[in-house]
Amino acid sequence: MDSNIIRAKIRLFVEQALGQGQEIALSQAHAHYLGNVLRKGTGAQIALFNNRDGEWLAKLTEVGRRSAQAVCLGQSAPQRMPPDLWLVFAPIKKARTDFIVEKAAELGAARIVPVQTEFTNSERIRQDRLQAHAVEAAEQCGGTYVPEVADLQPMSRLLQDWPEGRALIWADEALADTASATPLPAAPAAILIGPEGGFSQAERARLRGMPQVHPIALGPRILRADTAAVAALTLWQNAQGDWG
């Protein structure tokens, strides 16, 4: 990485490989955003990243209504992979589900897994829309990695196939206002956030019967699902993640 290369404020996620002198064909959505929304033209500098090659400073060589081209000038930041931490959560109302995905991407989750529980309010999600929110969050927060947002699946199926070596940190609302000195397990790990109505008795029994599950408290108050997701991710990142 060239220390003299600046970091551009406009950041875009692309699929193509990035490298010195590499020409990048940008999407129609990117062209619209750059040309019509930001009013950028030929010669403007932007940053590109792709989950593999770090961040690259690029110069726009063409901006049209439906297409745009850029050329890579130099690497402005190395690739930084997040810790191997998943966020598993039950979708809630649309705006709050969007919030959870955005904040998980900003806080460094490596994978985001929506699950259908017995008390989940939403029976379906728009996986493509949530993935787009994760991309936008990564573009805005300066990261070089976009977490995958998996499609909605039943929690029973997820638990049935749960990897033996991955800890599952259960933010159990029943433990609110109890002293908890349980150390958070290191990666590979996942954080589990339940639905607004909590888990059913059958689900709770199954979780408590799994050796990979580590129930934790998130303080003296029962938190909303979106607040609990942010709190749990923050606690784990501070204790075991890449914030230090």
Protein backbone atom coordinates (compact mmCIF):
# COMPACT_ATOMS: atom_id res chain seq x y z
CA MET A 1 0.00 0.00 0.00
CA ASP A 2 1.29 3.44 -0.97
CA SER A 3 1.27 5.71 2.10
CA ASN A 4 0.89 8.72 -0.19
CA ILE A 5 -2.43 7.50 -1.57
CA ILE A 6 -5.38 9.35 -0.05
CA ARG A 7 -8.67 7.79 1.02
CA ALA A 8 -11.61 9.12 -0.97
CA LYS A 9 -14.87 9.95 0.79
CA ILE A 10 -17.07 8.32 -1.83
CA ARG A 11 -16.77 4.55 -1.41
CA LEU A 12 -18.36 1.87 -3.60
CA PHE A 13 -18.47 -1.90 -3.29
CA VAL A 14 -17.75 -3.76 -6.55
CA GLU A 15 -17.41 -7.41 -7.55
CA GLN A 16 -14.42 -7.06 -9.90
CA ALA A 17 -10.78 -7.62 -8.99
CA LEU A 18 -8.89 -4.46 -8.03
CA GLY A 19 -5.27 -3.70 -8.80
CA GLN A 20 -2.88 -1.09 -10.13
CA GLY A 21 -4.17 0.28 -13.44
CA GLN A 22 -7.20 -2.01 -13.40
CA GLU A 23 -10.15 -0.63 -15.35
CA ILE A 24 -13.49 -1.11 -13.61
CA ALA A 25 -16.89 -1.02 -15.30
CA LEU A 26 -19.32 0.33 -12.72
CA SER A 27 -22.98 -0.66 -12.54
CA GLN A 28 -25.93 1.35 -13.79
CA ALA A 29 -26.90 2.05 -10.17
CA HIS A 30 -23.40 3.35 -9.47
CA ALA A 31 -23.51 5.51 -12.59
CA HIS A 32 -26.83 7.03 -11.52
CA TYR A 33 -25.55 7.65 -7.99
CA LEU A 34 -22.31 9.25 -9.14
CA GLY A 35 -23.65 11.28 -12.05
CA ASN A 36 -27.19 12.22 -11.09
CA VAL A 37 -27.12 12.22 -7.29
CA LEU A 38 -23.57 13.38 -6.50
CA ARG A 39 -23.00 15.25 -9.79
CA LYS A 40 -19.55 13.75 -10.24
CA GLY A 41 -17.87 13.76 -13.60
CA THR A 42 -14.76 12.51 -15.35
CA GLY A 43 -11.66 12.92 -13.19
CA ALA A 44 -13.43 12.66 -9.83
CA GLN A 45 -11.79 10.32 -7.35
CA ILE A 46 -13.64 7.54 -5.55
CA ALA A 47 -12.71 4.53 -3.43
CA LEU A 48 -13.51 0.94 -4.45
CA PHE A 49 -13.44 -2.28 -2.41
CA ASN A 50 -14.52 -5.85 -3.09
CA ASN A 51 -14.06 -7.99 0.08
CA ARG A 52 -10.69 -9.28 -1.21
CA ASP A 53 -8.23 -6.65 -2.39
CA GLY A 54 -8.53 -3.88 0.19
CA GLU A 55 -9.60 -0.36 -0.72
CA TRP A 56 -8.34 1.27 -3.92
CA LEU A 57 -8.33 4.90 -4.93
CA ALA A 58 -9.81 5.18 -8.40
CA LYS A 59 -10.44 7.95 -10.92
CA LEU A 60 -13.60 8.18 -12.97
CA THR A 61 -12.79 8.01 -16.67
CA GLU A 62 -16.38 8.00 -17.91
CA VAL A 63 -19.74 8.87 -16.34
CA GLY A 64 -22.92 8.37 -18.33
CA ARG A 65 -26.58 7.89 -17.58
CA ARG A 66 -26.38 4.11 -17.57
CA SER A 67 -22.71 3.31 -17.23
CA ALA A 68 -19.50 4.56 -15.71
CA GLN A 69 -15.84 3.58 -15.86
CA ALA A 70 -13.00 4.02 -13.38
CA VAL A 71 -9.32 3.14 -13.23
CA CYS A 72 -7.47 2.10 -10.08
CA LEU A 73 -4.66 4.47 -9.06
CA GLY A 74 -3.33 2.76 -5.92
CA GLN A 75 -4.31 0.90 -2.80
CA SER A 76 -5.52 3.28 -0.08
CA ALA A 77 -6.21 0.69 2.66
CA PRO A 78 -5.37 -2.99 3.13
CA GLN A 79 -7.98 -5.72 3.23
CA ARG A 80 -9.24 -6.14 6.78
CA MET A 81 -11.35 -9.19 7.50
CA PRO A 82 -13.70 -9.15 10.50
CA PRO A 83 -13.50 -11.71 13.31
CA ASP A 84 -15.36 -14.96 12.65
CA LEU A 85 -18.53 -13.82 14.40
CA TRP A 86 -22.06 -14.37 13.11
CA LEU A 87 -25.20 -12.53 14.15
CA VAL A 88 -28.26 -14.79 14.29
CA PHE A 89 -31.52 -12.93 14.87
CA ALA A 90 -35.28 -13.18 14.43
CA PRO A 91 -36.55 -10.47 12.04
CA ILE A 92 -38.85 -7.85 13.52
CA LYS A 93 -40.54 -4.81 11.98
CA LYS A 94 -39.06 -3.75 8.66
CA ALA A 95 -37.25 -0.58 9.73
CA ARG A 96 -35.83 -2.23 12.86
CA THR A 97 -34.67 -5.28 10.90
CA ASP A 98 -32.92 -2.90 8.50
CA PHE A 99 -31.30 -1.24 11.52
CA ILE A 100 -30.02 -4.57 12.86
CA VAL A 101 -28.43 -5.50 9.53
CA GLU A 102 -26.84 -2.07 9.09
CA LYS A 103 -25.38 -1.98 12.60
CA ALA A 104 -24.15 -5.58 12.39
CA ALA A 105 -22.22 -4.67 9.24
CA GLU A 106 -20.81 -1.55 10.89
CA LEU A 107 -19.86 -3.40 14.07
CA GLY A 108 -17.92 -6.11 12.26
CA ALA A 109 -20.15 -9.17 11.99
CA ALA A 110 -18.78 -11.63 9.43
CA ARG A 111 -22.18 -13.16 8.60
CA ILE A 112 -25.78 -12.20 9.32
CA VAL A 113 -28.34 -15.00 9.66
CA PRO A 114 -32.09 -14.23 9.98
CA VAL A 115 -34.07 -17.10 11.54
CA GLN A 116 -37.74 -17.97 11.85
CA THR A 117 -38.73 -18.82 15.43
CA GLU A 118 -42.11 -19.78 16.87
CA PHE A 119 -42.76 -16.16 17.87
CA THR A 120 -41.10 -14.37 14.93
CA ASN A 121 -43.34 -11.59 13.62
CA SER A 122 -42.05 -11.70 10.03
CA GLU A 123 -42.66 -14.79 7.92
CA ARG A 124 -40.48 -13.60 5.05
CA ILE A 125 -37.70 -11.14 4.32
CA ARG A 126 -36.27 -9.47 1.23
CA GLN A 127 -32.80 -10.96 1.38
CA ASP A 128 -31.59 -8.86 -1.57
CA ARG A 129 -32.76 -5.64 0.11
CA LEU A 130 -31.09 -6.54 3.40
CA GLN A 131 -27.89 -7.42 1.55
CA ALA A 132 -28.01 -3.99 -0.10
CA HIS A 133 -28.30 -2.40 3.37
CA ALA A 134 -25.18 -4.32 4.46
CA VAL A 135 -23.32 -3.02 1.39
CA GLU A 136 -24.36 0.57 2.11
CA ALA A 137 -23.29 0.26 5.75
CA ALA A 138 -19.85 -1.03 4.75
CA GLU A 139 -19.46 1.77 2.20
CA GLN A 140 -20.28 4.40 4.81
CA CYS A 141 -18.28 3.05 7.75
CA GLY A 142 -14.95 2.70 5.94
CA GLY A 143 -14.77 -1.08 6.12
CA THR A 144 -13.39 -3.29 3.38
CA TYR A 145 -15.71 -6.24 4.00
CA VAL A 146 -19.45 -6.74 3.43
CA PRO A 147 -21.01 -9.54 5.49
CA GLU A 148 -23.25 -12.05 3.77
CA VAL A 149 -26.91 -11.77 4.74
CA ALA A 150 -28.32 -15.30 4.56
CA ASP A 151 -31.89 -16.03 3.55
CA LEU A 152 -34.46 -16.63 6.27
CA GLN A 153 -34.46 -20.18 7.61
CA PRO A 154 -36.20 -22.00 10.49
CA MET A 155 -34.20 -21.85 13.70
CA SER A 156 -34.82 -25.56 14.21
CA ARG A 157 -32.97 -26.32 10.98
CA LEU A 158 -30.13 -23.96 11.86
CA LEU A 159 -29.66 -25.57 15.27
CA GLN A 160 -29.87 -29.07 13.81
CA ASP A 161 -26.91 -28.33 11.54
CA TRP A 162 -25.02 -26.11 14.01
CA PRO A 163 -21.21 -26.46 13.67
CA GLU A 164 -19.72 -28.34 16.60
CA GLY A 165 -16.82 -25.92 17.01
CA ARG A 166 -18.80 -22.65 16.88
CA ALA A 167 -19.96 -21.17 20.17
CA LEU A 168 -23.53 -19.82 20.22
CA ILE A 169 -23.85 -16.86 22.60
CA TRP A 170 -27.51 -16.59 23.58
CA ALA A 171 -28.63 -13.19 24.82
CA ASP A 172 -31.27 -14.58 27.18
CA GLU A 173 -33.76 -11.93 28.30
CA ALA A 174 -34.69 -14.16 31.25
CA LEU A 175 -31.26 -13.41 32.74
CA ALA A 176 -31.87 -9.64 32.88
CA ASP A 177 -31.02 -8.15 36.26
CA THR A 178 -28.87 -11.14 37.21
CA ALA A 179 -25.15 -11.03 37.86
CA SER A 180 -23.27 -12.52 34.92
CA ALA A 181 -19.52 -12.95 34.96
CA THR A 182 -19.50 -15.55 32.19
CA PRO A 183 -16.59 -14.83 29.85
CA LEU A 184 -17.57 -14.50 26.21
CA PRO A 185 -16.17 -17.32 24.07
CA ALA A 186 -13.73 -16.43 21.32
CA ALA A 187 -14.24 -16.95 17.60
CA PRO A 188 -15.56 -18.89 15.86
CA ALA A 189 -18.74 -17.76 17.54
CA ALA A 190 -22.24 -16.46 16.91
CA ILE A 191 -24.61 -14.21 18.82
CA LEU A 192 -28.27 -15.23 19.03
CA ILE A 193 -30.95 -12.56 19.48
CA GLY A 194 -34.54 -13.71 19.90
CA PRO A 195 -37.84 -12.26 18.67
CA GLU A 196 -39.87 -9.58 20.42
CA GLY A 197 -41.96 -12.23 22.15
CA GLY A 198 -38.93 -14.21 23.26
CA PHE A 199 -38.28 -17.88 22.57
CA SER A 200 -40.88 -20.55 23.24
CA GLN A 201 -40.37 -23.00 26.08
CA ALA A 202 -39.49 -25.72 23.58
CA GLU A 203 -36.90 -23.49 21.91
CA ARG A 204 -35.43 -22.50 25.26
CA ALA A 205 -35.14 -26.13 26.29
CA ARG A 206 -33.40 -27.03 23.06
CA LEU A 207 -30.93 -24.16 23.42
CA ARG A 208 -30.13 -25.09 26.99
CA GLY A 209 -29.48 -28.67 25.90
CA MET A 210 -26.81 -27.71 23.34
CA PRO A 211 -23.20 -27.80 24.59
CA GLN A 212 -22.22 -24.97 22.20
CA VAL A 213 -24.73 -22.54 23.76
CA HIS A 214 -23.55 -19.90 26.24
CA PRO A 215 -26.45 -17.93 27.81
CA ILE A 216 -25.52 -14.36 28.81
CA ALA A 217 -27.23 -11.36 30.39
CA LEU A 218 -27.18 -7.93 28.76
CA GLY A 219 -27.52 -5.88 31.91
CA PRO A 220 -30.34 -5.12 34.35
CA ARG A 221 -33.00 -4.25 31.74
CA ILE A 222 -34.83 -6.25 29.07
CA LEU A 223 -33.69 -4.75 25.77
CA ARG A 224 -35.55 -4.50 22.49
CA ALA A 225 -34.27 -6.93 19.89
CA ASP A 226 -32.48 -4.25 17.86
CA THR A 227 -30.88 -2.76 20.97
CA ALA A 228 -29.86 -6.22 22.19
CA ALA A 229 -28.12 -6.99 18.90
CA VAL A 230 -26.02 -3.83 19.08
CA ALA A 231 -25.23 -4.34 22.78
CA ALA A 232 -24.17 -7.98 22.34
CA LEU A 233 -22.01 -7.25 19.30
CA THR A 234 -20.35 -4.38 21.13
CA LEU A 235 -19.62 -6.49 24.22
CA TRP A 236 -18.12 -9.29 22.15
CA GLN A 237 -16.02 -6.99 19.96
CA ASN A 238 -14.68 -5.22 23.03
CA ALA A 239 -13.77 -8.49 24.76
CA GLN A 240 -12.76 -10.81 21.90
CA GLY A 241 -12.89 -8.91 18.63
CA ASP A 242 -10.73 -6.58 16.56
CA TRP A 243 -11.36 -3.34 18.43
CA GLY A 244 -8.23 -3.54 20.56
